Amino acid sequence: MRNASDRWLAWPTLALLTLAAASVSYAADPRHEEPREQVSRSGAGRGEVLDNRYNHGHYYPPRGAVVRALPGGYRPYYYHGSRFYFSGGIWYAPGPYGFIVTRPPAGLFLTVLPPFYTTVWVGGAPYYYADNVYYQWQPGANGYAVVDPPEGADQPGAPPAAPADDFYIYPKNGQAQEQQAADQYECHNWSKSQTGFDPTQQGGGVAPNEGGSRREQYQRAMTACLEARGYSVK
C-alpha cells in the first residue's frame, strides 16, 4: 500500500496528463487552405497564420483545421440547413472529428462583426474584412451579411485594389457600428464631390500631376466632415 507521500507525488503527474489530453490541436488539411501572408512566429506552434491583407494584422487557424471543442462564447448560425459557429472572427462547421475551420457562405446574416476587422472601400462602398471574409452592412435588415469578394478586391494573385481606409477613426460619442458606416460613407461622398478625388479609383480618378494635392484636399475634407459628426480622426 502506498503511503500518503506517494499519493501526493502522483497528483502533479496526473494533472499534467489531464491537461495534455484536454488541449486543442489543429490538424490542417492543405486541400482546404487558402493563401495567407506568413506563418506567425509566436503562433507557429498553434498552426496559426497571419492575415495581413489590407494590413489587417491578425492571426487565424488555416482553413480545414480541426478543433475538438468550440471556444467559449461562440454564436450558432443556421443557413440553408447547414450549421455554423462563430467565435473571435473564426467560423466553424461540424465535422466527423470535431469542428472544422471554414469559410461562411455568402448570404449568411449576422448582427455583429468580428472583434477585429478592417474597413475596405471598394467602388465607393465600405466592406468589413477579416480572415478572408468580407461583410457588408444591410440597412434594411439592421445587420451584416457575408458577401463574395467585391470586384477589384485585393485577392491572392490579383493586382492590388483600392487601398484600405487610411483613416483611424474613433467614435467619441459611442456611435454604433452601423452609424459609423453610414457617417463614413456620407463623408466620403461629400469629400469626393468637394475635391474631385476618389480614393477608391485608380489614381484617385484625377490626372497624375494632381494626385498628391487632390488627395490631401480629400483627406482634409474627410477629417473635417467626420470631426463635425463626433469622431476623432488621425
Protein backbone atom coordinates (compact mmCIF):
# COMPACT_ATOMS: atom_id res chain seq x y z
CA MET A 1 0.00 0.00 0.00
CA ARG A 2 1.26 3.49 -0.90
CA ASN A 3 1.85 5.88 1.92
CA ALA A 4 0.46 9.46 1.92
CA SER A 5 3.63 10.99 0.44
CA ASP A 6 3.45 8.62 -2.57
CA ARG A 7 -0.14 9.65 -3.26
CA TRP A 8 0.77 13.36 -3.13
CA LEU A 9 3.64 12.86 -5.57
CA ALA A 10 1.26 11.20 -8.05
CA TRP A 11 -1.02 14.26 -8.28
CA PRO A 12 1.28 16.55 -10.38
CA THR A 13 1.79 13.78 -12.94
CA LEU A 14 -1.94 13.11 -13.15
CA ALA A 15 -2.69 16.81 -13.56
CA LEU A 16 -0.19 17.19 -16.40
CA LEU A 17 -1.65 14.18 -18.22
CA THR A 18 -5.17 15.58 -17.83
CA LEU A 19 -4.15 18.98 -19.22
CA ALA A 20 -2.36 17.40 -22.16
CA ALA A 21 -5.40 15.30 -23.06
CA ALA A 22 -7.70 18.32 -22.91
CA SER A 23 -5.55 20.63 -25.06
CA VAL A 24 -6.88 21.57 -28.52
CA SER A 25 -4.72 20.83 -31.54
CA TYR A 26 -5.18 21.97 -35.12
CA ALA A 27 -4.95 19.37 -37.91
CA ALA A 28 -4.74 21.41 -41.11
CA ASP A 29 -5.79 19.83 -44.37
CA PRO A 30 -3.85 21.57 -47.18
CA ARG A 31 -6.67 20.89 -49.63
CA HIS A 32 -8.82 23.44 -47.79
CA GLU A 33 -6.21 26.10 -47.05
CA GLU A 34 -6.23 29.50 -48.74
CA PRO A 35 -3.14 31.61 -49.38
CA ARG A 36 -2.06 33.73 -46.42
CA GLU A 37 0.81 36.10 -45.83
CA GLN A 38 3.22 34.33 -43.48
CA VAL A 39 3.37 31.97 -40.52
CA SER A 40 3.30 33.61 -37.13
CA ARG A 41 6.49 33.26 -35.12
CA SER A 42 4.62 33.32 -31.84
CA GLY A 43 1.65 31.37 -33.23
CA ALA A 44 3.57 28.82 -35.29
CA GLY A 45 3.14 26.22 -32.56
CA ARG A 46 -0.60 26.69 -32.78
CA GLY A 47 -0.57 26.40 -36.57
CA GLU A 48 -1.88 29.94 -36.99
CA VAL A 49 -1.08 32.19 -39.94
CA LEU A 50 -1.01 35.93 -40.38
CA ASP A 51 -3.72 37.60 -42.43
CA ASN A 52 -2.07 40.87 -43.39
CA ARG A 53 -4.21 41.76 -46.37
CA TYR A 54 -5.12 45.45 -46.08
CA ASN A 55 -2.71 45.49 -43.10
CA HIS A 56 -5.31 43.53 -41.13
CA GLY A 57 -2.55 42.07 -38.95
CA HIS A 58 -4.29 39.25 -37.07
CA TYR A 59 -3.61 35.52 -36.78
CA TYR A 60 -6.11 32.77 -37.57
CA PRO A 61 -6.03 28.98 -37.88
CA PRO A 62 -5.90 27.82 -41.53
CA ARG A 63 -8.96 26.64 -43.41
CA GLY A 64 -9.59 22.96 -42.83
CA ALA A 65 -8.02 22.94 -39.36
CA VAL A 66 -9.92 20.81 -36.85
CA VAL A 67 -10.63 21.63 -33.22
CA ARG A 68 -12.08 19.12 -30.79
CA ALA A 69 -14.23 21.64 -28.95
CA LEU A 70 -15.63 25.06 -29.77
CA PRO A 71 -14.18 28.06 -27.92
CA GLY A 72 -16.26 29.70 -25.24
CA GLY A 73 -18.69 32.44 -26.20
CA TYR A 74 -19.39 31.12 -29.70
CA ARG A 75 -22.57 32.04 -31.60
CA PRO A 76 -24.53 29.42 -33.56
CA TYR A 77 -25.91 30.18 -37.04
CA TYR A 78 -28.08 28.24 -39.47
CA TYR A 79 -28.06 28.80 -43.21
CA HIS A 80 -29.91 26.71 -45.80
CA GLY A 81 -30.00 23.72 -43.48
CA SER A 82 -26.33 23.90 -42.51
CA ARG A 83 -24.96 24.77 -39.10
CA PHE A 84 -22.09 27.18 -38.46
CA TYR A 85 -20.44 28.58 -35.35
CA PHE A 86 -18.72 31.95 -34.99
CA SER A 87 -16.18 32.98 -32.39
CA GLY A 88 -13.38 35.54 -32.39
CA GLY A 89 -13.75 36.18 -36.12
CA ILE A 90 -13.34 32.46 -36.92
CA TRP A 91 -16.05 30.30 -38.50
CA TYR A 92 -16.51 26.61 -37.72
CA ALA A 93 -18.66 23.84 -39.16
CA PRO A 94 -19.40 20.42 -37.62
CA GLY A 95 -17.03 17.67 -38.73
CA PRO A 96 -16.54 13.96 -38.04
CA TYR A 97 -13.75 14.58 -35.50
CA GLY A 98 -14.82 17.90 -34.03
CA PHE A 99 -15.29 21.25 -35.73
CA ILE A 100 -13.64 22.38 -38.97
CA VAL A 101 -12.43 25.92 -39.56
CA THR A 102 -14.35 27.00 -42.63
CA ARG A 103 -15.44 29.94 -44.74
CA PRO A 104 -19.08 31.02 -44.28
CA PRO A 105 -21.31 31.06 -47.37
CA ALA A 106 -22.26 34.35 -48.99
CA GLY A 107 -25.69 35.40 -47.79
CA LEU A 108 -25.29 34.28 -44.19
CA PHE A 109 -26.64 37.07 -41.99
CA LEU A 110 -25.27 38.16 -38.61
CA THR A 111 -25.83 41.06 -36.26
CA VAL A 112 -22.25 41.63 -35.06
CA LEU A 113 -18.93 42.00 -36.86
CA PRO A 114 -15.78 40.13 -35.81
CA PRO A 115 -13.97 41.72 -32.85
CA PHE A 116 -11.16 42.75 -35.24
CA TYR A 117 -11.95 43.88 -38.76
CA THR A 118 -10.58 46.21 -41.42
CA THR A 119 -12.76 48.68 -43.30
CA VAL A 120 -12.14 48.47 -47.05
CA TRP A 121 -13.61 50.89 -49.59
CA VAL A 122 -14.32 49.34 -53.00
CA GLY A 123 -16.30 51.22 -55.62
CA GLY A 124 -17.27 53.86 -53.08
CA ALA A 125 -18.86 51.32 -50.71
CA PRO A 126 -17.47 50.15 -47.35
CA TYR A 127 -16.78 46.47 -46.74
CA TYR A 128 -15.62 44.93 -43.47
CA TYR A 129 -12.84 42.39 -43.82
CA ALA A 130 -11.42 39.70 -41.52
CA ASP A 131 -9.86 36.28 -42.13
CA ASN A 132 -10.51 36.22 -45.91
CA VAL A 133 -14.18 37.05 -45.38
CA TYR A 134 -15.99 40.21 -46.48
CA TYR A 135 -19.04 41.57 -44.68
CA GLN A 136 -21.39 44.35 -45.76
CA TRP A 137 -23.94 46.37 -43.83
CA GLN A 138 -27.57 45.64 -44.73
CA PRO A 139 -29.59 48.68 -43.61
CA GLY A 140 -32.97 47.07 -44.29
CA ALA A 141 -32.15 44.12 -42.04
CA ASN A 142 -30.18 46.09 -39.44
CA GLY A 143 -27.22 43.74 -39.60
CA TYR A 144 -24.40 42.39 -41.76
CA ALA A 145 -24.23 39.80 -44.49
CA VAL A 146 -21.33 37.68 -45.65
CA VAL A 147 -20.68 38.67 -49.26
CA ASP A 148 -18.49 37.50 -52.10
CA PRO A 149 -15.23 39.41 -52.53
CA PRO A 150 -16.16 42.63 -54.34
CA GLU A 151 -14.96 43.07 -57.89
CA GLY A 152 -11.47 44.54 -57.83
CA ALA A 153 -10.80 43.50 -54.23
CA ASP A 154 -7.28 42.50 -53.29
CA GLN A 155 -7.22 38.72 -53.70
CA PRO A 156 -4.24 36.34 -53.79
CA GLY A 157 -2.59 36.52 -57.19
CA ALA A 158 -4.58 39.58 -58.26
CA PRO A 159 -3.27 43.14 -58.62
CA PRO A 160 -3.84 45.38 -55.58
CA ALA A 161 -7.21 47.05 -55.37
CA ALA A 162 -8.06 50.41 -53.93
CA PRO A 163 -6.27 50.97 -50.64
CA ALA A 164 -7.98 50.25 -47.38
CA ASP A 165 -9.31 53.12 -45.32
CA ASP A 166 -6.31 55.30 -44.44
CA PHE A 167 -8.15 57.00 -41.58
CA TYR A 168 -8.04 55.87 -37.97
CA ILE A 169 -11.47 56.88 -36.74
CA TYR A 170 -12.64 56.72 -33.13
CA PRO A 171 -16.28 57.43 -32.17
CA LYS A 172 -16.25 59.97 -29.35
CA ASN A 173 -19.98 59.74 -28.70
CA GLY A 174 -20.38 55.96 -28.64
CA GLN A 175 -21.78 55.75 -32.17
CA ALA A 176 -22.90 52.25 -33.13
CA GLN A 177 -21.12 50.36 -35.91
CA GLU A 178 -23.96 50.95 -38.36
CA GLN A 179 -23.90 54.68 -37.63
CA GLN A 180 -20.14 54.77 -38.15
CA ALA A 181 -20.51 53.06 -41.51
CA ALA A 182 -23.23 55.48 -42.61
CA ASP A 183 -21.23 58.52 -41.47
CA GLN A 184 -18.07 57.37 -43.24
CA TYR A 185 -19.97 56.67 -46.43
CA GLU A 186 -21.71 60.06 -46.43
CA CYS A 187 -18.49 61.92 -45.60
CA HIS A 188 -16.71 60.04 -48.36
CA ASN A 189 -19.34 61.06 -50.92
CA TRP A 190 -19.26 64.68 -49.72
CA SER A 191 -15.44 64.84 -49.77
CA LYS A 192 -15.35 63.31 -53.23
CA SER A 193 -17.81 65.86 -54.57
CA GLN A 194 -15.87 68.72 -52.99
CA THR A 195 -12.42 67.71 -54.24
CA GLY A 196 -13.00 65.52 -57.28
CA PHE A 197 -10.71 62.90 -55.72
CA ASP A 198 -11.96 59.35 -55.19
CA PRO A 199 -9.51 57.08 -53.30
CA THR A 200 -11.44 54.01 -54.38
CA GLN A 201 -10.46 54.66 -58.02
CA GLN A 202 -7.10 54.10 -59.65
CA GLY A 203 -5.03 57.25 -59.11
CA GLY A 204 -7.99 58.86 -57.38
CA GLY A 205 -9.69 59.39 -60.72
CA VAL A 206 -7.65 62.54 -61.40
CA ALA A 207 -4.70 63.47 -63.59
CA PRO A 208 -1.36 62.06 -62.34
CA ASN A 209 0.06 65.53 -61.73
CA GLU A 210 -2.91 66.38 -59.48
CA GLY A 211 -2.99 63.20 -57.43
CA GLY A 212 -0.92 64.40 -54.48
CA SER A 213 -2.65 67.74 -53.91
CA ARG A 214 -6.15 66.37 -54.53
CA ARG A 215 -5.56 63.53 -52.10
CA GLU A 216 -4.53 65.99 -49.39
CA GLN A 217 -7.67 68.01 -50.08
CA TYR A 218 -9.79 64.89 -49.83
CA GLN A 219 -8.21 63.88 -46.53
CA ARG A 220 -8.76 67.34 -45.06
CA ALA A 221 -12.39 67.29 -46.20
CA MET A 222 -12.96 63.82 -44.73
CA THR A 223 -11.35 64.84 -41.45
CA ALA A 224 -13.49 67.97 -41.17
CA CYS A 225 -16.68 66.07 -42.01
CA LEU A 226 -16.06 63.25 -39.54
CA GLU A 227 -14.95 65.55 -36.73
CA ALA A 228 -18.16 67.56 -37.21
CA ARG A 229 -20.08 64.30 -36.67
CA GLY A 230 -18.34 63.48 -33.40
CA TYR A 231 -15.29 61.44 -34.39
CA SER A 232 -11.60 61.72 -33.59
CA VAL A 233 -9.61 61.30 -36.80
CA LYS A 234 -5.90 60.52 -37.04
